[in-house]
Amino acid sequence: MDSTQRNRLYDSVRPLRLYRVARGWRQVDLAEAAGIRAESVCRIETGRVQPHAATAAALARALQVPVAELFPESVRNGSG
């Protein structure tokens, strides 16, 4: 996926969900791989909560992508 395609997808889908679905994982699969609860994955994907730095890092490790790929708004805003 090139950066133009990725940017278009970011407009309509949160990157965390995009990467999870691309792997063919359910929320519970990602939660298990990251060592968090599936409910937390759901809340983060829907934007109801921002993950703590440790949670964001665990999700990124599980998906084998940089944190900035999953949470570009946090990196831009200096949070997360």
PDB file of N, CA and C in Angstrom:
ATOM      1  N   MET A   1       0.855  -1.170   0.000  1.00  0.00           N
ATOM      2  CA  MET A   1       0.000   0.000   0.000  1.00  0.00           C
ATOM      3  C   MET A   1       0.902   1.235   0.000  1.00  0.00           C
ATOM      4  N   ASP A   2       0.715   2.111  -0.974  1.00  0.00           N
ATOM      5  CA  ASP A   2       1.548   3.314  -1.009  1.00  0.00           C
ATOM      6  C   ASP A   2       0.949   4.406  -0.122  1.00  0.00           C
ATOM      7  N   SER A   3       1.687   5.485   0.060  1.00  0.00           N
ATOM      8  CA  SER A   3       1.258   6.523   1.003  1.00  0.00           C
ATOM      9  C   SER A   3      -0.022   7.230   0.568  1.00  0.00           C
ATOM     10  N   THR A   4      -0.245   7.371  -0.723  1.00  0.00           N
ATOM     11  CA  THR A   4      -1.476   8.002  -1.201  1.00  0.00           C
ATOM     12  C   THR A   4      -2.683   7.148  -0.849  1.00  0.00           C
ATOM     13  N   GLN A   5      -2.588   5.861  -1.088  1.00  0.00           N
ATOM     14  CA  GLN A   5      -3.683   4.954  -0.733  1.00  0.00           C
ATOM     15  C   GLN A   5      -3.923   4.975   0.768  1.00  0.00           C
ATOM     16  N   ARG A   6      -2.849   4.943   1.529  1.00  0.00           N
ATOM     17  CA  ARG A   6      -2.956   4.949   2.980  1.00  0.00           C
ATOM     18  C   ARG A   6      -3.629   6.231   3.463  1.00  0.00           C
ATOM     19  N   ASN A   7      -3.256   7.384   2.897  1.00  0.00           N
ATOM     20  CA  ASN A   7      -3.859   8.649   3.314  1.00  0.00           C
ATOM     21  C   ASN A   7      -5.347   8.693   3.015  1.00  0.00           C
ATOM     22  N   ARG A   8      -5.751   8.159   1.876  1.00  0.00           N
ATOM     23  CA  ARG A   8      -7.178   8.113   1.560  1.00  0.00           C
ATOM     24  C   ARG A   8      -7.922   7.243   2.550  1.00  0.00           C
ATOM     25  N   LEU A   9      -7.338   6.119   2.924  1.00  0.00           N
ATOM     26  CA  LEU A   9      -7.987   5.236   3.878  1.00  0.00           C
ATOM     27  C   LEU A   9      -8.059   5.869   5.261  1.00  0.00           C
ATOM     28  N   TYR A  10      -7.054   6.646   5.647  1.00  0.00           N
ATOM     29  CA  TYR A  10      -7.067   7.312   6.943  1.00  0.00           C
ATOM     30  C   TYR A  10      -8.243   8.269   7.065  1.00  0.00           C
ATOM     31  N   ASP A  11      -8.694   8.811   5.951  1.00  0.00           N
ATOM     32  CA  ASP A  11      -9.816   9.739   5.991  1.00  0.00           C
ATOM     33  C   ASP A  11     -11.103   9.069   6.458  1.00  0.00           C
ATOM     34  N   SER A  12     -11.266   7.772   6.175  1.00  0.00           N
ATOM     35  CA  SER A  12     -12.528   7.114   6.489  1.00  0.00           C
ATOM     36  C   SER A  12     -12.407   5.989   7.506  1.00  0.00           C
ATOM     37  N   VAL A  13     -11.216   5.459   7.720  1.00  0.00           N
ATOM     38  CA  VAL A  13     -11.039   4.327   8.623  1.00  0.00           C
ATOM     39  C   VAL A  13      -9.851   4.601   9.536  1.00  0.00           C
ATOM     40  N   ARG A  14     -10.006   4.294  10.783  1.00  0.00           N
ATOM     41  CA  ARG A  14      -8.879   4.450  11.704  1.00  0.00           C
ATOM     42  C   ARG A  14      -7.788   3.448  11.355  1.00  0.00           C
ATOM     43  N   PRO A  15      -6.528   3.888  11.366  1.00  0.00           N
ATOM     44  CA  PRO A  15      -5.420   3.010  10.965  1.00  0.00           C
ATOM     45  C   PRO A  15      -5.338   1.707  11.754  1.00  0.00           C
ATOM     46  N   LEU A  16      -5.637   1.729  13.042  1.00  0.00           N
ATOM     47  CA  LEU A  16      -5.567   0.504  13.830  1.00  0.00           C
ATOM     48  C   LEU A  16      -6.474  -0.561  13.236  1.00  0.00           C
ATOM     49  N   ARG A  17      -7.694  -0.184  12.935  1.00  0.00           N
ATOM     50  CA  ARG A  17      -8.642  -1.133  12.345  1.00  0.00           C
ATOM     51  C   ARG A  17      -8.159  -1.593  10.970  1.00  0.00           C
ATOM     52  N   LEU A  18      -7.647  -0.676  10.189  1.00  0.00           N
ATOM     53  CA  LEU A  18      -7.143  -0.992   8.856  1.00  0.00           C
ATOM     54  C   LEU A  18      -6.076  -2.078   8.922  1.00  0.00           C
ATOM     55  N   TYR A  19      -5.094  -1.904   9.782  1.00  0.00           N
ATOM     56  CA  TYR A  19      -4.027  -2.898   9.901  1.00  0.00           C
ATOM     57  C   TYR A  19      -4.540  -4.218  10.474  1.00  0.00           C
ATOM     58  N   ARG A  20      -5.452  -4.150  11.426  1.00  0.00           N
ATOM     59  CA  ARG A  20      -6.009  -5.375  12.005  1.00  0.00           C
ATOM     60  C   ARG A  20      -6.754  -6.184  10.951  1.00  0.00           C
ATOM     61  N   VAL A  21      -7.611  -5.523  10.200  1.00  0.00           N
ATOM     62  CA  VAL A  21      -8.398  -6.201   9.174  1.00  0.00           C
ATOM     63  C   VAL A  21      -7.494  -6.742   8.059  1.00  0.00           C
ATOM     64  N   ALA A  22      -6.452  -5.983   7.718  1.00  0.00           N
ATOM     65  CA  ALA A  22      -5.519  -6.441   6.680  1.00  0.00           C
ATOM     66  C   ALA A  22      -4.845  -7.751   7.076  1.00  0.00           C
ATOM     67  N   ARG A  23      -4.651  -7.968   8.354  1.00  0.00           N
ATOM     68  CA  ARG A  23      -4.077  -9.222   8.839  1.00  0.00           C
ATOM     69  C   ARG A  23      -5.112 -10.334   8.943  1.00  0.00           C
ATOM     70  N   GLY A  24      -6.380  -9.973   8.791  1.00  0.00           N
ATOM     71  CA  GLY A  24      -7.437 -10.973   8.935  1.00  0.00           C
ATOM     72  C   GLY A  24      -7.752 -11.285  10.387  1.00  0.00           C
ATOM     73  N   TRP A  25      -7.400 -10.360  11.274  1.00  0.00           N
ATOM     74  CA  TRP A  25      -7.610 -10.554  12.704  1.00  0.00           C
ATOM     75  C   TRP A  25      -8.930  -9.965  13.164  1.00  0.00           C
ATOM     76  N   ARG A  26      -9.533 -10.629  14.130  1.00  0.00           N
ATOM     77  CA  ARG A  26     -10.677 -10.067  14.854  1.00  0.00           C
ATOM     78  C   ARG A  26     -10.114  -9.197  15.979  1.00  0.00           C
ATOM     79  N   GLN A  27     -10.967  -8.396  16.586  1.00  0.00           N
ATOM     80  CA  GLN A  27     -10.506  -7.566  17.694  1.00  0.00           C
ATOM     81  C   GLN A  27      -9.921  -8.419  18.807  1.00  0.00           C
ATOM     82  N   VAL A  28     -10.530  -9.556  19.068  1.00  0.00           N
ATOM     83  CA  VAL A  28     -10.034 -10.434  20.128  1.00  0.00           C
ATOM     84  C   VAL A  28      -8.654 -10.994  19.775  1.00  0.00           C
ATOM     85  N   ASP A  29      -8.392 -11.234  18.495  1.00  0.00           N
ATOM     86  CA  ASP A  29      -7.073 -11.720  18.079  1.00  0.00           C
ATOM     87  C   ASP A  29      -5.996 -10.677  18.362  1.00  0.00           C
ATOM     88  N   LEU A  30      -6.285  -9.430  18.004  1.00  0.00           N
ATOM     89  CA  LEU A  30      -5.336  -8.348  18.255  1.00  0.00           C
ATOM     90  C   LEU A  30      -5.145  -8.152  19.752  1.00  0.00           C
ATOM     91  N   ALA A  31      -6.230  -8.204  20.497  1.00  0.00           N
ATOM     92  CA  ALA A  31      -6.146  -8.036  21.944  1.00  0.00           C
ATOM     93  C   ALA A  31      -5.240  -9.091  22.564  1.00  0.00           C
ATOM     94  N   GLU A  32      -5.405 -10.332  22.152  1.00  0.00           N
ATOM     95  CA  GLU A  32      -4.571 -11.408  22.684  1.00  0.00           C
ATOM     96  C   GLU A  32      -3.106 -11.196  22.319  1.00  0.00           C
ATOM     97  N   ALA A  33      -2.849 -10.810  21.075  1.00  0.00           N
ATOM     98  CA  ALA A  33      -1.471 -10.598  20.618  1.00  0.00           C
ATOM     99  C   ALA A  33      -0.809  -9.432  21.349  1.00  0.00           C
ATOM    100  N   ALA A  34      -1.603  -8.427  21.717  1.00  0.00           N
ATOM    101  CA  ALA A  34      -1.065  -7.237  22.382  1.00  0.00           C
ATOM    102  C   ALA A  34      -1.118  -7.336  23.908  1.00  0.00           C
ATOM    103  N   GLY A  35      -1.826  -8.341  24.418  1.00  0.00           N
ATOM    104  CA  GLY A  35      -1.928  -8.499  25.863  1.00  0.00           C
ATOM    105  C   GLY A  35      -2.880  -7.517  26.520  1.00  0.00           C
ATOM    106  N   ILE A  36      -3.936  -7.141  25.784  1.00  0.00           N
ATOM    107  CA  ILE A  36      -4.949  -6.236  26.340  1.00  0.00           C
ATOM    108  C   ILE A  36      -6.331  -6.858  26.147  1.00  0.00           C
ATOM    109  N   ARG A  37      -7.354  -6.195  26.659  1.00  0.00           N
ATOM    110  CA  ARG A  37      -8.716  -6.717  26.515  1.00  0.00           C
ATOM    111  C   ARG A  37      -9.306  -6.331  25.164  1.00  0.00           C
ATOM    112  N   ALA A  38     -10.159  -7.195  24.628  1.00  0.00           N
ATOM    113  CA  ALA A  38     -10.816  -6.924  23.349  1.00  0.00           C
ATOM    114  C   ALA A  38     -11.665  -5.660  23.434  1.00  0.00           C
ATOM    115  N   GLU A  39     -12.265  -5.408  24.580  1.00  0.00           N
ATOM    116  CA  GLU A  39     -13.064  -4.193  24.769  1.00  0.00           C
ATOM    117  C   GLU A  39     -12.200  -2.952  24.579  1.00  0.00           C
ATOM    118  N   SER A  40     -10.950  -3.027  25.020  1.00  0.00           N
ATOM    119  CA  SER A  40     -10.035  -1.895  24.856  1.00  0.00           C
ATOM    120  C   SER A  40      -9.743  -1.650  23.378  1.00  0.00           C
ATOM    121  N   VAL A  41      -9.535  -2.724  22.619  1.00  0.00           N
ATOM    122  CA  VAL A  41      -9.305  -2.579  21.182  1.00  0.00           C
ATOM    123  C   VAL A  41     -10.501  -1.893  20.536  1.00  0.00           C
ATOM    124  N   CYS A  42     -11.694  -2.322  20.887  1.00  0.00           N
ATOM    125  CA  CYS A  42     -12.915  -1.721  20.330  1.00  0.00           C
ATOM    126  C   CYS A  42     -12.980  -0.231  20.653  1.00  0.00           C
ATOM    127  N   ARG A  43     -12.739   0.134  21.881  1.00  0.00           N
ATOM    128  CA  ARG A  43     -12.816   1.539  22.290  1.00  0.00           C
ATOM    129  C   ARG A  43     -11.761   2.400  21.595  1.00  0.00           C
ATOM    130  N   ILE A  44     -10.578   1.832  21.408  1.00  0.00           N
ATOM    131  CA  ILE A  44      -9.516   2.572  20.730  1.00  0.00           C
ATOM    132  C   ILE A  44      -9.852   2.725  19.247  1.00  0.00           C
ATOM    133  N   GLU A  45     -10.314   1.643  18.625  1.00  0.00           N
ATOM    134  CA  GLU A  45     -10.662   1.696  17.195  1.00  0.00           C
ATOM    135  C   GLU A  45     -11.763   2.698  16.900  1.00  0.00           C
ATOM    136  N   THR A  46     -12.728   2.803  17.779  1.00  0.00           N
ATOM    137  CA  THR A  46     -13.850   3.705  17.540  1.00  0.00           C
ATOM    138  C   THR A  46     -13.561   5.135  17.993  1.00  0.00           C
ATOM    139  N   GLY A  47     -12.396   5.350  18.582  1.00  0.00           N
ATOM    140  CA  GLY A  47     -12.022   6.693  18.996  1.00  0.00           C
ATOM    141  C   GLY A  47     -12.617   7.133  20.308  1.00  0.00           C
ATOM    142  N   ARG A  48     -13.217   6.214  21.037  1.00  0.00           N
ATOM    143  CA  ARG A  48     -13.796   6.583  22.327  1.00  0.00           C
ATOM    144  C   ARG A  48     -12.720   6.881  23.359  1.00  0.00           C
ATOM    145  N   VAL A  49     -11.559   6.245  23.204  1.00  0.00           N
ATOM    146  CA  VAL A  49     -10.430   6.513  24.103  1.00  0.00           C
ATOM    147  C   VAL A  49      -9.149   6.577  23.291  1.00  0.00           C
ATOM    148  N   GLN A  50      -8.173   7.315  23.808  1.00  0.00           N
ATOM    149  CA  GLN A  50      -6.831   7.335  23.256  1.00  0.00           C
ATOM    150  C   GLN A  50      -6.013   6.358  24.094  1.00  0.00           C
ATOM    151  N   PRO A  51      -5.229   5.510  23.476  1.00  0.00           N
ATOM    152  CA  PRO A  51      -4.454   4.553  24.265  1.00  0.00           C
ATOM    153  C   PRO A  51      -3.299   5.223  25.002  1.00  0.00           C
ATOM    154  N   HIS A  52      -2.955   4.664  26.147  1.00  0.00           N
ATOM    155  CA  HIS A  52      -1.735   5.078  26.833  1.00  0.00           C
ATOM    156  C   HIS A  52      -0.554   4.666  25.956  1.00  0.00           C
ATOM    157  N   ALA A  53       0.578   5.267  26.179  1.00  0.00           N
ATOM    158  CA  ALA A  53       1.767   4.990  25.368  1.00  0.00           C
ATOM    159  C   ALA A  53       2.119   3.503  25.370  1.00  0.00           C
ATOM    160  N   ALA A  54       2.036   2.852  26.525  1.00  0.00           N
ATOM    161  CA  ALA A  54       2.380   1.429  26.606  1.00  0.00           C
ATOM    162  C   ALA A  54       1.407   0.574  25.801  1.00  0.00           C
ATOM    163  N   THR A  55       0.139   0.936  25.817  1.00  0.00           N
ATOM    164  CA  THR A  55      -0.863   0.193  25.042  1.00  0.00           C
ATOM    165  C   THR A  55      -0.643   0.402  23.557  1.00  0.00           C
ATOM    166  N   ALA A  56      -0.383   1.635  23.158  1.00  0.00           N
ATOM    167  CA  ALA A  56      -0.118   1.924  21.743  1.00  0.00           C
ATOM    168  C   ALA A  56       1.101   1.140  21.264  1.00  0.00           C
ATOM    169  N   ALA A  57       2.129   1.068  22.093  1.00  0.00           N
ATOM    170  CA  ALA A  57       3.338   0.322  21.725  1.00  0.00           C
ATOM    171  C   ALA A  57       3.045  -1.170  21.615  1.00  0.00           C
ATOM    172  N   ALA A  58       2.233  -1.706  22.518  1.00  0.00           N
ATOM    173  CA  ALA A  58       1.883  -3.129  22.472  1.00  0.00           C
ATOM    174  C   ALA A  58       1.089  -3.458  21.207  1.00  0.00           C
ATOM    175  N   LEU A  59       0.166  -2.575  20.836  1.00  0.00           N
ATOM    176  CA  LEU A  59      -0.615  -2.787  19.608  1.00  0.00           C
ATOM    177  C   LEU A  59       0.284  -2.728  18.381  1.00  0.00           C
ATOM    178  N   ALA A  60       1.190  -1.764  18.371  1.00  0.00           N
ATOM    179  CA  ALA A  60       2.118  -1.628  17.245  1.00  0.00           C
ATOM    180  C   ALA A  60       3.020  -2.861  17.124  1.00  0.00           C
ATOM    181  N   ARG A  61       3.521  -3.346  18.253  1.00  0.00           N
ATOM    182  CA  ARG A  61       4.356  -4.556  18.220  1.00  0.00           C
ATOM    183  C   ARG A  61       3.566  -5.742  17.693  1.00  0.00           C
ATOM    184  N   ALA A  62       2.333  -5.890  18.161  1.00  0.00           N
ATOM    185  CA  ALA A  62       1.507  -7.019  17.730  1.00  0.00           C
ATOM    186  C   ALA A  62       1.267  -6.985  16.221  1.00  0.00           C
ATOM    187  N   LEU A  63       1.081  -5.791  15.683  1.00  0.00           N
ATOM    188  CA  LEU A  63       0.824  -5.644  14.244  1.00  0.00           C
ATOM    189  C   LEU A  63       2.099  -5.446  13.428  1.00  0.00           C
ATOM    190  N   GLN A  64       3.222  -5.327  14.118  1.00  0.00           N
ATOM    191  CA  GLN A  64       4.532  -5.153  13.486  1.00  0.00           C
ATOM    192  C   GLN A  64       4.597  -3.905  12.596  1.00  0.00           C
ATOM    193  N   VAL A  65       4.104  -2.809  13.165  1.00  0.00           N
ATOM    194  CA  VAL A  65       4.156  -1.513  12.485  1.00  0.00           C
ATOM    195  C   VAL A  65       4.579  -0.450  13.499  1.00  0.00           C
ATOM    196  N   PRO A  66       5.118   0.674  13.044  1.00  0.00           N
ATOM    197  CA  PRO A  66       5.458   1.747  13.986  1.00  0.00           C
ATOM    198  C   PRO A  66       4.204   2.348  14.624  1.00  0.00           C
ATOM    199  N   VAL A  67       4.347   2.817  15.837  1.00  0.00           N
ATOM    200  CA  VAL A  67       3.231   3.458  16.541  1.00  0.00           C
ATOM    201  C   VAL A  67       2.659   4.596  15.693  1.00  0.00           C
ATOM    202  N   ALA A  68       3.514   5.350  15.036  1.00  0.00           N
ATOM    203  CA  ALA A  68       3.068   6.488  14.225  1.00  0.00           C
ATOM    204  C   ALA A  68       2.158   6.063  13.072  1.00  0.00           C
ATOM    205  N   GLU A  69       2.283   4.836  12.621  1.00  0.00           N
ATOM    206  CA  GLU A  69       1.391   4.339  11.563  1.00  0.00           C
ATOM    207  C   GLU A  69      -0.016   4.093  12.102  1.00  0.00           C
ATOM    208  N   LEU A  70      -0.100   3.645  13.339  1.00  0.00           N
ATOM    209  CA  LEU A  70      -1.404   3.346  13.939  1.00  0.00           C
ATOM    210  C   LEU A  70      -2.100   4.575  14.497  1.00  0.00           C
ATOM    211  N   PHE A  71      -1.310   5.499  15.030  1.00  0.00           N
ATOM    212  CA  PHE A  71      -1.872   6.664  15.705  1.00  0.00           C
ATOM    213  C   PHE A  71      -1.198   7.940  15.218  1.00  0.00           C
ATOM    214  N   PRO A  72      -1.360   8.278  13.934  1.00  0.00           N
ATOM    215  CA  PRO A  72      -0.679   9.458  13.399  1.00  0.00           C
ATOM    216  C   PRO A  72      -1.114  10.745  14.089  1.00  0.00           C
ATOM    217  N   GLU A  73      -2.351  10.845  14.536  1.00  0.00           N
ATOM    218  CA  GLU A  73      -2.824  12.067  15.195  1.00  0.00           C
ATOM    219  C   GLU A  73      -2.126  12.268  16.528  1.00  0.00           C
ATOM    220  N   SER A  74      -1.807  11.184  17.224  1.00  0.00           N
ATOM    221  CA  SER A  74      -1.109  11.290  18.506  1.00  0.00           C
ATOM    222  C   SER A  74       0.305  11.794  18.305  1.00  0.00           C
ATOM    223  N   VAL A  75       0.943  11.323  17.248  1.00  0.00           N
ATOM    224  CA  VAL A  75       2.304  11.748  16.973  1.00  0.00           C
ATOM    225  C   VAL A  75       2.313  13.222  16.585  1.00  0.00           C
ATOM    226  N   ARG A  76       1.352  13.640  15.743  1.00  0.00           N
ATOM    227  CA  ARG A  76       1.249  15.035  15.336  1.00  0.00           C
ATOM    228  C   ARG A  76       0.974  15.944  16.525  1.00  0.00           C
ATOM    229  N   ASN A  77       0.111  15.487  17.431  1.00  0.00           N
ATOM    230  CA  ASN A  77      -0.277  16.312  18.575  1.00  0.00           C
ATOM    231  C   ASN A  77       0.665  16.180  19.761  1.00  0.00           C
ATOM    232  N   GLY A  78       1.619  15.268  19.653  1.00  0.00           N
ATOM    233  CA  GLY A  78       2.575  15.081  20.728  1.00  0.00           C
ATOM    234  C   GLY A  78       2.024  14.335  21.927  1.00  0.00           C
ATOM    235  N   SER A  79       0.891  13.662  21.751  1.00  0.00           N
ATOM    236  CA  SER A  79       0.314  12.889  22.853  1.00  0.00           C
ATOM    237  C   SER A  79       0.471  11.414  22.549  1.00  0.00           C
ATOM    238  N   GLY A  80      -0.003  10.561  23.511  1.00  0.00           N
ATOM    239  CA  GLY A  80       0.005   9.124  23.299  1.00  0.00           C
ATOM    240  C   GLY A  80       1.323   8.589  23.533  1.00  0.00           C
TER     241      GLY A  80
END
